[in-house]
């Protein structure tokens, strides 16, 4: 077993859930261009996140988009925003974030299985 191998119980501890972006605004306090997002996570409520995703996404494109969020990190202050969830994505070849998402609609708050 390599040092990077995890047990199933380790994976289960990460609370990954589907949310829908319901509000987007520029984060004027961020050093690098970023948005302040409000994400509807169903039974978990609407949570705030700060995300550096401006390279690929405009505000109108993000509204209504379903994303995958880590919901059990402790809240963190990022550029003046109390970020409650981490919106997940992957860096492309130019180091710009491409959001993790879904090709079919899902109920907000659904947990990654």
N, C-alpha and C. Protein backbone atom coordinates (compact mmCIF):
# COMPACT_ATOMS: atom_id res chain seq x y z
N UNK A 1 0.85 -1.18 0.00
CA UNK A 1 0.00 0.00 0.00
C UNK A 1 0.89 1.24 0.00
N UNK A 2 0.63 2.19 -0.91
CA UNK A 2 1.45 3.40 -0.98
C UNK A 2 1.02 4.39 0.10
N UNK A 3 1.87 5.36 0.33
CA UNK A 3 1.58 6.40 1.34
C UNK A 3 0.36 7.22 0.95
N UNK A 4 0.01 7.26 -0.34
CA UNK A 4 -1.13 8.03 -0.81
C UNK A 4 -2.44 7.26 -0.79
N UNK A 5 -2.38 5.98 -0.48
CA UNK A 5 -3.59 5.16 -0.43
C UNK A 5 -4.41 5.53 0.79
N UNK A 6 -5.72 5.66 0.58
CA UNK A 6 -6.60 5.95 1.70
C UNK A 6 -7.59 4.80 1.87
N UNK A 7 -8.18 4.75 3.02
CA UNK A 7 -9.23 3.77 3.30
C UNK A 7 -10.58 4.37 2.90
N UNK A 8 -11.57 3.50 2.68
CA UNK A 8 -12.91 3.96 2.31
C UNK A 8 -13.46 4.94 3.35
N UNK A 9 -13.17 4.67 4.63
CA UNK A 9 -13.65 5.55 5.70
C UNK A 9 -13.07 6.96 5.57
N UNK A 10 -11.84 7.08 5.06
CA UNK A 10 -11.25 8.40 4.84
C UNK A 10 -12.07 9.17 3.80
N UNK A 11 -12.41 8.52 2.70
CA UNK A 11 -13.20 9.15 1.64
C UNK A 11 -14.58 9.55 2.16
N UNK A 12 -15.19 8.69 2.96
CA UNK A 12 -16.52 8.98 3.49
C UNK A 12 -16.54 10.21 4.39
N UNK A 13 -15.43 10.57 4.96
CA UNK A 13 -15.37 11.74 5.84
C UNK A 13 -15.51 13.05 5.08
N UNK A 14 -15.19 13.04 3.77
CA UNK A 14 -15.31 14.25 2.96
C UNK A 14 -16.76 14.36 2.50
N UNK A 15 -17.42 15.43 2.92
CA UNK A 15 -18.83 15.64 2.60
C UNK A 15 -18.93 16.41 1.29
N UNK A 16 -19.03 15.68 0.17
CA UNK A 16 -19.13 16.26 -1.17
C UNK A 16 -20.59 16.26 -1.60
N UNK A 17 -21.11 17.45 -1.90
CA UNK A 17 -22.53 17.56 -2.24
C UNK A 17 -22.78 18.45 -3.44
N UNK A 18 -23.90 18.20 -4.07
CA UNK A 18 -24.36 18.98 -5.23
C UNK A 18 -25.03 20.26 -4.74
N UNK A 19 -24.68 21.36 -5.35
CA UNK A 19 -25.34 22.63 -5.07
C UNK A 19 -25.56 23.40 -6.35
N UNK A 20 -26.52 24.31 -6.31
CA UNK A 20 -26.81 25.17 -7.44
C UNK A 20 -26.41 26.60 -7.10
N UNK A 21 -25.64 27.23 -7.97
CA UNK A 21 -25.24 28.61 -7.76
C UNK A 21 -26.45 29.51 -7.99
N UNK A 22 -26.81 30.28 -6.94
CA UNK A 22 -28.00 31.13 -7.02
C UNK A 22 -27.67 32.62 -7.01
N UNK A 23 -26.42 32.97 -6.70
CA UNK A 23 -26.00 34.37 -6.70
C UNK A 23 -24.50 34.43 -6.98
N UNK A 24 -24.11 35.41 -7.81
CA UNK A 24 -22.69 35.61 -8.15
C UNK A 24 -22.42 37.11 -8.17
N UNK A 25 -21.30 37.49 -7.57
CA UNK A 25 -20.84 38.87 -7.67
C UNK A 25 -19.31 38.90 -7.63
N UNK A 26 -18.71 39.90 -8.26
CA UNK A 26 -17.25 39.99 -8.20
C UNK A 26 -16.78 40.20 -6.76
N UNK A 27 -15.65 39.62 -6.41
CA UNK A 27 -15.06 39.85 -5.10
C UNK A 27 -14.01 40.94 -5.27
N UNK A 28 -14.40 42.18 -4.98
CA UNK A 28 -13.54 43.34 -5.19
C UNK A 28 -12.31 43.33 -4.29
N UNK A 29 -12.36 42.60 -3.18
CA UNK A 29 -11.23 42.57 -2.24
C UNK A 29 -10.19 41.51 -2.58
N UNK A 30 -10.48 40.63 -3.53
CA UNK A 30 -9.56 39.55 -3.87
C UNK A 30 -8.35 40.10 -4.63
N UNK A 31 -7.16 39.55 -4.33
CA UNK A 31 -5.93 39.95 -5.04
C UNK A 31 -5.96 39.47 -6.49
N UNK A 32 -6.46 38.25 -6.69
CA UNK A 32 -6.64 37.70 -8.04
C UNK A 32 -8.14 37.73 -8.32
N UNK A 33 -8.54 37.92 -9.58
CA UNK A 33 -9.97 37.98 -9.89
C UNK A 33 -10.73 36.77 -9.33
N UNK A 34 -11.84 37.06 -8.65
CA UNK A 34 -12.64 36.00 -8.02
C UNK A 34 -14.09 36.44 -7.93
N UNK A 35 -14.94 35.46 -7.72
CA UNK A 35 -16.36 35.72 -7.48
C UNK A 35 -16.73 35.31 -6.07
N UNK A 36 -17.74 35.99 -5.53
CA UNK A 36 -18.41 35.54 -4.32
C UNK A 36 -19.64 34.79 -4.81
N UNK A 37 -19.74 33.53 -4.43
CA UNK A 37 -20.85 32.67 -4.85
C UNK A 37 -21.75 32.38 -3.67
N UNK A 38 -23.05 32.27 -3.94
CA UNK A 38 -24.01 31.73 -2.97
C UNK A 38 -24.53 30.46 -3.63
N UNK A 39 -24.39 29.35 -2.89
CA UNK A 39 -24.70 28.03 -3.43
C UNK A 39 -25.82 27.39 -2.61
N UNK A 40 -26.91 27.02 -3.27
CA UNK A 40 -28.04 26.36 -2.61
C UNK A 40 -27.71 24.87 -2.49
N UNK A 41 -27.56 24.42 -1.24
CA UNK A 41 -27.22 23.02 -0.97
C UNK A 41 -28.41 22.28 -0.36
N UNK A 42 -29.61 22.68 -0.74
CA UNK A 42 -30.82 21.98 -0.29
C UNK A 42 -30.96 22.01 1.22
N UNK A 43 -31.01 20.84 1.86
CA UNK A 43 -31.25 20.80 3.31
C UNK A 43 -30.12 21.44 4.13
N UNK A 44 -28.95 21.65 3.54
CA UNK A 44 -27.85 22.31 4.26
C UNK A 44 -27.96 23.83 4.20
N UNK A 45 -28.87 24.33 3.37
CA UNK A 45 -29.06 25.77 3.24
C UNK A 45 -28.22 26.37 2.13
N UNK A 46 -28.24 27.69 2.06
CA UNK A 46 -27.47 28.43 1.07
C UNK A 46 -26.16 28.85 1.73
N UNK A 47 -25.04 28.48 1.12
CA UNK A 47 -23.72 28.73 1.67
C UNK A 47 -22.92 29.64 0.74
N UNK A 48 -21.94 30.32 1.31
CA UNK A 48 -21.10 31.26 0.57
C UNK A 48 -19.74 30.64 0.28
N UNK A 49 -19.19 31.00 -0.89
CA UNK A 49 -17.85 30.57 -1.27
C UNK A 49 -17.20 31.68 -2.08
N UNK A 50 -15.88 31.79 -1.97
CA UNK A 50 -15.12 32.68 -2.84
C UNK A 50 -14.34 31.79 -3.79
N UNK A 51 -14.43 32.07 -5.08
CA UNK A 51 -13.82 31.18 -6.07
C UNK A 51 -13.12 31.96 -7.17
N UNK A 52 -11.89 31.55 -7.49
CA UNK A 52 -11.12 32.16 -8.58
C UNK A 52 -11.43 31.41 -9.87
N UNK A 53 -12.61 31.69 -10.41
CA UNK A 53 -13.09 30.98 -11.60
C UNK A 53 -13.48 31.93 -12.72
N UNK A 54 -12.94 33.15 -12.67
CA UNK A 54 -13.34 34.17 -13.64
C UNK A 54 -12.79 33.93 -15.04
N UNK A 55 -11.72 33.15 -15.18
CA UNK A 55 -11.11 32.94 -16.50
C UNK A 55 -12.05 32.22 -17.47
N UNK A 56 -12.80 31.26 -16.96
CA UNK A 56 -13.67 30.47 -17.84
C UNK A 56 -15.16 30.81 -17.72
N UNK A 57 -15.53 31.53 -16.66
CA UNK A 57 -16.96 31.69 -16.38
C UNK A 57 -17.34 33.14 -16.14
N UNK A 58 -18.41 33.55 -16.82
CA UNK A 58 -19.02 34.84 -16.55
C UNK A 58 -20.16 34.67 -15.56
N UNK A 59 -20.61 35.77 -14.99
CA UNK A 59 -21.67 35.73 -13.97
C UNK A 59 -22.92 35.03 -14.51
N UNK A 60 -23.38 35.43 -15.69
CA UNK A 60 -24.61 34.84 -16.24
C UNK A 60 -24.47 33.35 -16.48
N UNK A 61 -23.29 32.91 -16.87
CA UNK A 61 -23.04 31.48 -17.12
C UNK A 61 -23.08 30.66 -15.84
N UNK A 62 -22.71 31.28 -14.72
CA UNK A 62 -22.65 30.57 -13.44
C UNK A 62 -24.02 30.44 -12.77
N UNK A 63 -24.88 31.43 -12.96
CA UNK A 63 -26.19 31.38 -12.31
C UNK A 63 -26.97 30.15 -12.76
N UNK A 64 -27.40 29.35 -11.81
CA UNK A 64 -28.16 28.14 -12.10
C UNK A 64 -27.29 26.91 -12.35
N UNK A 65 -25.97 27.08 -12.40
CA UNK A 65 -25.06 25.96 -12.65
C UNK A 65 -24.94 25.10 -11.40
N UNK A 66 -25.00 23.78 -11.60
CA UNK A 66 -24.80 22.84 -10.49
C UNK A 66 -23.32 22.51 -10.38
N UNK A 67 -22.83 22.53 -9.14
CA UNK A 67 -21.42 22.30 -8.86
C UNK A 67 -21.28 21.30 -7.71
N UNK A 68 -20.07 20.77 -7.57
CA UNK A 68 -19.76 19.83 -6.49
C UNK A 68 -18.98 20.59 -5.43
N UNK A 69 -19.47 20.55 -4.18
CA UNK A 69 -18.87 21.32 -3.09
C UNK A 69 -18.42 20.42 -1.95
N UNK A 70 -17.28 20.79 -1.36
CA UNK A 70 -16.86 20.18 -0.10
C UNK A 70 -17.55 20.99 0.99
N UNK A 71 -18.37 20.31 1.79
CA UNK A 71 -19.22 21.01 2.76
C UNK A 71 -18.75 20.91 4.20
N UNK A 72 -17.72 20.13 4.48
CA UNK A 72 -17.35 19.97 5.88
C UNK A 72 -15.96 20.50 6.23
N UNK A 73 -15.47 21.47 5.45
CA UNK A 73 -14.31 22.25 5.89
C UNK A 73 -14.81 23.29 6.88
N UNK A 74 -13.96 23.69 7.81
CA UNK A 74 -14.31 24.80 8.69
C UNK A 74 -14.39 26.07 7.85
N UNK A 75 -15.31 26.99 8.17
CA UNK A 75 -15.37 28.25 7.42
C UNK A 75 -14.02 28.97 7.47
N UNK A 76 -13.71 29.66 6.38
CA UNK A 76 -12.41 30.32 6.25
C UNK A 76 -12.63 31.71 5.66
N UNK A 77 -11.90 32.69 6.15
CA UNK A 77 -11.98 34.04 5.60
C UNK A 77 -11.06 34.14 4.39
N UNK A 78 -11.64 34.44 3.23
CA UNK A 78 -10.88 34.57 1.98
C UNK A 78 -11.23 35.92 1.36
N UNK A 79 -10.27 36.81 1.33
CA UNK A 79 -10.45 38.13 0.72
C UNK A 79 -11.72 38.82 1.22
N UNK A 80 -11.90 38.82 2.52
CA UNK A 80 -13.04 39.49 3.13
C UNK A 80 -14.35 38.73 3.08
N UNK A 81 -14.32 37.48 2.64
CA UNK A 81 -15.54 36.67 2.52
C UNK A 81 -15.43 35.49 3.48
N UNK A 82 -16.50 35.22 4.21
CA UNK A 82 -16.55 34.01 5.04
C UNK A 82 -16.95 32.86 4.14
N UNK A 83 -15.96 32.11 3.67
CA UNK A 83 -16.19 31.01 2.75
C UNK A 83 -16.57 29.77 3.55
N UNK A 84 -17.79 29.26 3.29
CA UNK A 84 -18.35 28.15 4.06
C UNK A 84 -18.22 26.81 3.36
N UNK A 85 -18.06 26.83 2.04
CA UNK A 85 -17.90 25.60 1.25
C UNK A 85 -16.82 25.83 0.20
N UNK A 86 -16.23 24.74 -0.26
CA UNK A 86 -15.25 24.79 -1.35
C UNK A 86 -15.92 24.26 -2.60
N UNK A 87 -16.01 25.11 -3.62
CA UNK A 87 -16.52 24.70 -4.92
C UNK A 87 -15.36 24.02 -5.63
N UNK A 88 -15.56 22.78 -6.09
CA UNK A 88 -14.45 22.00 -6.64
C UNK A 88 -14.27 22.19 -8.14
N UNK A 89 -13.05 21.97 -8.57
CA UNK A 89 -12.70 22.04 -9.97
C UNK A 89 -11.31 21.49 -10.20
N UNK A 90 -10.87 21.57 -11.44
CA UNK A 90 -9.56 21.06 -11.85
C UNK A 90 -8.88 22.14 -12.68
N UNK A 91 -7.58 22.29 -12.50
CA UNK A 91 -6.83 23.25 -13.32
C UNK A 91 -6.65 22.70 -14.73
N UNK A 92 -6.86 23.57 -15.72
CA UNK A 92 -6.57 23.19 -17.10
C UNK A 92 -5.08 23.41 -17.39
N UNK A 93 -4.67 23.23 -18.62
CA UNK A 93 -3.25 23.35 -18.97
C UNK A 93 -2.70 24.77 -18.80
N UNK A 94 -3.60 25.76 -18.68
CA UNK A 94 -3.18 27.15 -18.47
C UNK A 94 -3.37 27.59 -17.01
N UNK A 95 -3.57 26.60 -16.11
CA UNK A 95 -3.73 26.87 -14.67
C UNK A 95 -4.99 27.68 -14.35
N UNK A 96 -6.04 27.47 -15.16
CA UNK A 96 -7.34 28.11 -14.91
C UNK A 96 -8.31 27.02 -14.47
N UNK A 97 -9.14 27.33 -13.50
CA UNK A 97 -10.04 26.33 -12.93
C UNK A 97 -11.22 26.04 -13.84
N UNK A 98 -11.46 24.75 -14.06
CA UNK A 98 -12.67 24.26 -14.73
C UNK A 98 -13.48 23.57 -13.64
N UNK A 99 -14.71 24.01 -13.45
CA UNK A 99 -15.54 23.48 -12.37
C UNK A 99 -15.93 22.02 -12.57
N UNK A 100 -15.97 21.29 -11.46
CA UNK A 100 -16.55 19.94 -11.47
C UNK A 100 -18.06 20.12 -11.50
N UNK A 101 -18.73 19.36 -12.33
CA UNK A 101 -20.17 19.51 -12.45
C UNK A 101 -20.83 18.23 -12.90
N UNK A 102 -22.06 18.35 -13.35
CA UNK A 102 -22.88 17.19 -13.67
C UNK A 102 -23.57 17.40 -15.00
N UNK A 103 -23.81 16.30 -15.72
CA UNK A 103 -24.45 16.42 -17.02
C UNK A 103 -25.96 16.23 -16.96
N UNK A 104 -26.50 15.93 -15.78
CA UNK A 104 -27.95 15.80 -15.58
C UNK A 104 -28.32 16.55 -14.30
N UNK A 105 -29.51 17.14 -14.24
CA UNK A 105 -29.92 17.85 -13.02
C UNK A 105 -30.03 16.89 -11.83
N UNK A 106 -29.63 17.38 -10.67
CA UNK A 106 -29.69 16.60 -9.43
C UNK A 106 -30.30 17.44 -8.32
N UNK A 107 -30.89 16.79 -7.31
CA UNK A 107 -31.42 17.55 -6.18
C UNK A 107 -30.28 18.21 -5.41
N UNK A 108 -30.48 19.49 -5.07
CA UNK A 108 -29.47 20.18 -4.25
C UNK A 108 -29.28 19.44 -2.93
N UNK A 109 -28.04 19.31 -2.51
CA UNK A 109 -27.71 18.63 -1.27
C UNK A 109 -27.40 17.16 -1.46
N UNK A 110 -27.60 16.62 -2.68
CA UNK A 110 -27.28 15.21 -2.92
C UNK A 110 -25.81 14.98 -2.63
N UNK A 111 -25.52 13.87 -1.96
CA UNK A 111 -24.14 13.56 -1.58
C UNK A 111 -23.49 12.66 -2.63
N UNK A 112 -22.22 12.96 -2.94
CA UNK A 112 -21.47 12.13 -3.86
C UNK A 112 -21.34 10.75 -3.28
N UNK A 113 -21.65 9.75 -4.09
CA UNK A 113 -21.63 8.38 -3.60
C UNK A 113 -20.42 7.64 -4.12
